[in-house]
Amino acid sequence: MNLIPSKFFITSGKATSTVSDLNAFDLALKNAEIAEQNLVAVSSVIPIGANRIDKPELEMGAITHCVLSQMRGKEGEVIAAGIAYTFRKDGKGGYVAEGHLHGSAQCLKSELRCKMEEMSRIRDVEFGEIHFLTEELRIPIGNYGCCVASLVFTEYR
């Protein structure tokens, strides 16, 4: 059985918790509006013909395939998580890169750009415009924090 995604959306969120980094992660997913799904991590290929859409209503508990970036941290840290995606200039689909680090969203964006350039070089194909979605968080004293960013597949052909 082939599951070939035909639609996707991008989303992100960030959050803090005084209880644990897991609770910060859960709230970051809630803020990204994907906390009620059973997320399944997939790698980085956008199929030919897949289109970006606005976030649809997702059924609670649905198995949901996504490229997910997350970064968790502790008080006083600056963390960032993000994704970059692009389509091939020849029309044969696209690719996603995820990243996370202790540091700024600007530093992460630079790292993501380098990852996309390397993906292009490895495949010997030209990419179109690269799109970015990043979250950055300075975690307050007494808190844990988490940033998430995701490209979520929603429909299959």
C-alpha atoms as a PDB file:
ATOM      1  CA  MET A   1       0.000   0.000   0.000  1.00  0.00           C
ATOM      2  CA  ASN A   2       1.419   3.376  -1.046  1.00  0.00           C
ATOM      3  CA  LEU A   3       0.474   6.432   0.978  1.00  0.00           C
ATOM      4  CA  ILE A   4       1.381   9.414  -1.186  1.00  0.00           C
ATOM      5  CA  PRO A   5       0.567  12.754   0.425  1.00  0.00           C
ATOM      6  CA  SER A   6      -1.276  15.252  -1.746  1.00  0.00           C
ATOM      7  CA  LYS A   7      -1.643  18.121   0.754  1.00  0.00           C
ATOM      8  CA  PHE A   8       0.334  19.577   3.626  1.00  0.00           C
ATOM      9  CA  PHE A   9       0.376  22.529   5.987  1.00  0.00           C
ATOM     10  CA  ILE A  10       3.041  24.069   8.175  1.00  0.00           C
ATOM     11  CA  THR A  11       2.688  25.018  11.808  1.00  0.00           C
ATOM     12  CA  SER A  12       4.736  25.927  14.855  1.00  0.00           C
ATOM     13  CA  GLY A  13       4.419  26.669  18.533  1.00  0.00           C
ATOM     14  CA  LYS A  14       6.371  27.318  21.695  1.00  0.00           C
ATOM     15  CA  ALA A  15       5.624  27.037  25.379  1.00  0.00           C
ATOM     16  CA  THR A  16       6.983  26.903  28.898  1.00  0.00           C
ATOM     17  CA  SER A  17       6.107  24.782  31.912  1.00  0.00           C
ATOM     18  CA  THR A  18       7.148  24.867  35.548  1.00  0.00           C
ATOM     19  CA  VAL A  19       6.584  21.086  35.764  1.00  0.00           C
ATOM     20  CA  SER A  20       8.671  19.426  33.017  1.00  0.00           C
ATOM     21  CA  ASP A  21      10.020  19.675  29.497  1.00  0.00           C
ATOM     22  CA  LEU A  22       7.440  17.051  28.453  1.00  0.00           C
ATOM     23  CA  ASN A  23       4.650  19.384  29.578  1.00  0.00           C
ATOM     24  CA  ALA A  24       6.294  22.266  27.704  1.00  0.00           C
ATOM     25  CA  PHE A  25       6.426  20.021  24.603  1.00  0.00           C
ATOM     26  CA  ASP A  26       2.753  19.099  24.994  1.00  0.00           C
ATOM     27  CA  LEU A  27       1.744  22.762  25.290  1.00  0.00           C
ATOM     28  CA  ALA A  28       3.942  23.731  22.320  1.00  0.00           C
ATOM     29  CA  LEU A  29       2.108  21.082  20.263  1.00  0.00           C
ATOM     30  CA  LYS A  30      -1.201  22.499  21.518  1.00  0.00           C
ATOM     31  CA  ASN A  31      -0.123  25.991  20.467  1.00  0.00           C
ATOM     32  CA  ALA A  32       0.778  24.566  17.043  1.00  0.00           C
ATOM     33  CA  GLU A  33      -2.696  22.964  16.966  1.00  0.00           C
ATOM     34  CA  ILE A  34      -1.402  19.400  16.523  1.00  0.00           C
ATOM     35  CA  ALA A  35      -1.508  18.114  20.127  1.00  0.00           C
ATOM     36  CA  GLU A  36      -4.584  15.942  19.582  1.00  0.00           C
ATOM     37  CA  GLN A  37      -3.022  13.855  16.813  1.00  0.00           C
ATOM     38  CA  ASN A  38      -0.850  10.749  16.995  1.00  0.00           C
ATOM     39  CA  LEU A  39       2.187  12.164  15.264  1.00  0.00           C
ATOM     40  CA  VAL A  40       4.353   9.868  13.161  1.00  0.00           C
ATOM     41  CA  ALA A  41       7.686  11.314  12.099  1.00  0.00           C
ATOM     42  CA  VAL A  42       8.574  10.943   8.426  1.00  0.00           C
ATOM     43  CA  SER A  43      11.599  12.081   6.497  1.00  0.00           C
ATOM     44  CA  SER A  44      11.946  14.889   4.071  1.00  0.00           C
ATOM     45  CA  VAL A  45      10.264  14.308   0.685  1.00  0.00           C
ATOM     46  CA  ILE A  46       7.294  16.306  -0.624  1.00  0.00           C
ATOM     47  CA  PRO A  47       5.695  14.220  -3.401  1.00  0.00           C
ATOM     48  CA  ILE A  48       5.087  15.511  -6.914  1.00  0.00           C
ATOM     49  CA  GLY A  49       1.833  17.456  -6.994  1.00  0.00           C
ATOM     50  CA  ALA A  50       1.507  17.948  -3.226  1.00  0.00           C
ATOM     51  CA  ASN A  51       0.119  21.371  -2.372  1.00  0.00           C
ATOM     52  CA  ARG A  52       0.368  23.559   0.709  1.00  0.00           C
ATOM     53  CA  ILE A  53      -2.998  24.348   2.294  1.00  0.00           C
ATOM     54  CA  ASP A  54      -4.278  26.212   5.325  1.00  0.00           C
ATOM     55  CA  LYS A  55      -4.511  24.034   8.415  1.00  0.00           C
ATOM     56  CA  PRO A  56      -7.674  21.941   8.228  1.00  0.00           C
ATOM     57  CA  GLU A  57      -9.659  20.486  11.117  1.00  0.00           C
ATOM     58  CA  LEU A  58      -7.938  17.275  12.149  1.00  0.00           C
ATOM     59  CA  GLU A  59      -9.767  14.420  13.797  1.00  0.00           C
ATOM     60  CA  MET A  60      -8.690  13.691  17.376  1.00  0.00           C
ATOM     61  CA  GLY A  61      -6.400  10.693  17.602  1.00  0.00           C
ATOM     62  CA  ALA A  62      -5.709  10.465  13.872  1.00  0.00           C
ATOM     63  CA  ILE A  63      -2.397   8.968  12.790  1.00  0.00           C
ATOM     64  CA  THR A  64      -0.745  12.059  11.346  1.00  0.00           C
ATOM     65  CA  HIS A  65       2.475  11.982   9.337  1.00  0.00           C
ATOM     66  CA  CYS A  66       4.766  14.964   9.736  1.00  0.00           C
ATOM     67  CA  VAL A  67       8.285  16.260   9.557  1.00  0.00           C
ATOM     68  CA  LEU A  68       8.725  17.507  13.129  1.00  0.00           C
ATOM     69  CA  SER A  69      11.427  19.632  14.671  1.00  0.00           C
ATOM     70  CA  GLN A  70      11.522  20.131  18.406  1.00  0.00           C
ATOM     71  CA  MET A  71      13.936  21.670  20.872  1.00  0.00           C
ATOM     72  CA  ARG A  72      13.574  21.454  24.636  1.00  0.00           C
ATOM     73  CA  GLY A  73      15.498  23.430  27.193  1.00  0.00           C
ATOM     74  CA  LYS A  74      15.838  24.698  30.748  1.00  0.00           C
ATOM     75  CA  GLU A  75      15.672  28.041  32.486  1.00  0.00           C
ATOM     76  CA  GLY A  76      17.888  30.770  31.082  1.00  0.00           C
ATOM     77  CA  GLU A  77      18.482  29.051  27.744  1.00  0.00           C
ATOM     78  CA  VAL A  78      17.568  30.368  24.314  1.00  0.00           C
ATOM     79  CA  ILE A  79      16.277  27.605  22.069  1.00  0.00           C
ATOM     80  CA  ALA A  80      14.968  27.409  18.527  1.00  0.00           C
ATOM     81  CA  ALA A  81      13.290  24.834  16.285  1.00  0.00           C
ATOM     82  CA  GLY A  82      12.317  25.139  12.657  1.00  0.00           C
ATOM     83  CA  ILE A  83      11.768  23.727   9.222  1.00  0.00           C
ATOM     84  CA  ALA A  84      12.645  24.783   5.705  1.00  0.00           C
ATOM     85  CA  TYR A  85      10.950  23.476   2.586  1.00  0.00           C
ATOM     86  CA  THR A  86      11.225  23.972  -1.134  1.00  0.00           C
ATOM     87  CA  PHE A  87      10.205  22.515  -4.458  1.00  0.00           C
ATOM     88  CA  ARG A  88      12.475  21.367  -7.258  1.00  0.00           C
ATOM     89  CA  LYS A  89      12.632  23.679 -10.275  1.00  0.00           C
ATOM     90  CA  ASP A  90      11.956  20.698 -12.556  1.00  0.00           C
ATOM     91  CA  GLY A  91       8.547  20.164 -10.918  1.00  0.00           C
ATOM     92  CA  LYS A  92       9.414  16.762  -9.459  1.00  0.00           C
ATOM     93  CA  GLY A  93       8.353  17.348  -5.858  1.00  0.00           C
ATOM     94  CA  GLY A  94      10.232  18.966  -3.039  1.00  0.00           C
ATOM     95  CA  TYR A  95      12.080  18.530   0.224  1.00  0.00           C
ATOM     96  CA  VAL A  96      11.937  19.490   3.886  1.00  0.00           C
ATOM     97  CA  ALA A  97      14.779  20.044   6.341  1.00  0.00           C
ATOM     98  CA  GLU A  98      14.284  20.296  10.064  1.00  0.00           C
ATOM     99  CA  GLY A  99      16.627  21.733  12.652  1.00  0.00           C
ATOM    100  CA  HIS A 100      16.924  22.727  16.272  1.00  0.00           C
ATOM    101  CA  LEU A 101      19.574  24.333  18.438  1.00  0.00           C
ATOM    102  CA  HIS A 102      20.477  26.238  21.553  1.00  0.00           C
ATOM    103  CA  GLY A 103      20.521  29.719  20.056  1.00  0.00           C
ATOM    104  CA  SER A 104      18.509  32.127  17.960  1.00  0.00           C
ATOM    105  CA  ALA A 105      16.016  31.544  15.173  1.00  0.00           C
ATOM    106  CA  GLN A 106      18.291  33.607  12.922  1.00  0.00           C
ATOM    107  CA  CYS A 107      21.186  31.175  13.499  1.00  0.00           C
ATOM    108  CA  LEU A 108      18.823  28.273  12.887  1.00  0.00           C
ATOM    109  CA  LYS A 109      17.585  29.774   9.616  1.00  0.00           C
ATOM    110  CA  SER A 110      21.186  29.999   8.413  1.00  0.00           C
ATOM    111  CA  GLU A 111      21.749  26.345   9.358  1.00  0.00           C
ATOM    112  CA  LEU A 112      18.545  25.298   7.588  1.00  0.00           C
ATOM    113  CA  ARG A 113      19.588  27.155   4.434  1.00  0.00           C
ATOM    114  CA  CYS A 114      22.902  25.244   4.452  1.00  0.00           C
ATOM    115  CA  LYS A 115      21.040  21.945   4.857  1.00  0.00           C
ATOM    116  CA  MET A 116      18.799  22.731   1.889  1.00  0.00           C
ATOM    117  CA  GLU A 117      21.785  23.724  -0.258  1.00  0.00           C
ATOM    118  CA  GLU A 118      23.450  20.412   0.589  1.00  0.00           C
ATOM    119  CA  MET A 119      20.266  18.474  -0.267  1.00  0.00           C
ATOM    120  CA  SER A 120      20.275  20.230  -3.651  1.00  0.00           C
ATOM    121  CA  ARG A 121      23.949  19.417  -4.197  1.00  0.00           C
ATOM    122  CA  ILE A 122      23.546  15.741  -3.218  1.00  0.00           C
ATOM    123  CA  ARG A 123      20.636  15.310  -5.646  1.00  0.00           C
ATOM    124  CA  ASP A 124      22.201  17.484  -8.353  1.00  0.00           C
ATOM    125  CA  VAL A 125      18.926  19.400  -8.799  1.00  0.00           C
ATOM    126  CA  GLU A 126      18.008  23.055  -8.593  1.00  0.00           C
ATOM    127  CA  PHE A 127      15.590  24.206  -5.915  1.00  0.00           C
ATOM    128  CA  GLY A 128      13.131  27.066  -6.090  1.00  0.00           C
ATOM    129  CA  GLU A 129      12.508  29.529  -3.286  1.00  0.00           C
ATOM    130  CA  ILE A 130      13.175  28.160   0.193  1.00  0.00           C
ATOM    131  CA  HIS A 131      10.432  28.781   2.760  1.00  0.00           C
ATOM    132  CA  PHE A 132      11.186  28.882   6.488  1.00  0.00           C
ATOM    133  CA  LEU A 133       9.184  28.523   9.688  1.00  0.00           C
ATOM    134  CA  THR A 134      11.058  28.932  12.971  1.00  0.00           C
ATOM    135  CA  GLU A 135      10.269  29.453  16.638  1.00  0.00           C
ATOM    136  CA  GLU A 136      12.599  30.927  19.245  1.00  0.00           C
ATOM    137  CA  LEU A 137      12.167  30.985  23.024  1.00  0.00           C
ATOM    138  CA  ARG A 138      14.120  32.504  25.900  1.00  0.00           C
ATOM    139  CA  ILE A 139      13.133  30.258  28.792  1.00  0.00           C
ATOM    140  CA  PRO A 140      12.254  32.114  32.011  1.00  0.00           C
ATOM    141  CA  ILE A 141      13.847  31.217  35.347  1.00  0.00           C
ATOM    142  CA  GLY A 142      12.010  28.355  37.028  1.00  0.00           C
ATOM    143  CA  ASN A 143      10.686  26.975  33.736  1.00  0.00           C
ATOM    144  CA  TYR A 144      11.307  24.372  31.093  1.00  0.00           C
ATOM    145  CA  GLY A 145      10.676  25.303  27.482  1.00  0.00           C
ATOM    146  CA  CYS A 146      10.015  23.799  24.097  1.00  0.00           C
ATOM    147  CA  CYS A 147       9.764  25.020  20.496  1.00  0.00           C
ATOM    148  CA  VAL A 148       8.246  22.948  17.701  1.00  0.00           C
ATOM    149  CA  ALA A 149       7.847  23.408  13.955  1.00  0.00           C
ATOM    150  CA  SER A 150       6.291  20.940  11.574  1.00  0.00           C
ATOM    151  CA  LEU A 151       5.255  20.220   8.008  1.00  0.00           C
ATOM    152  CA  VAL A 152       2.146  18.048   8.352  1.00  0.00           C
ATOM    153  CA  PHE A 153       0.730  15.814   5.614  1.00  0.00           C
ATOM    154  CA  THR A 154      -3.075  15.722   5.575  1.00  0.00           C
ATOM    155  CA  GLU A 155      -4.490  13.913   2.541  1.00  0.00           C
ATOM    156  CA  TYR A 156      -3.300  11.014   0.398  1.00  0.00           C
ATOM    157  CA  ARG A 157      -3.915   9.850  -3.135  1.00  0.00           C
END
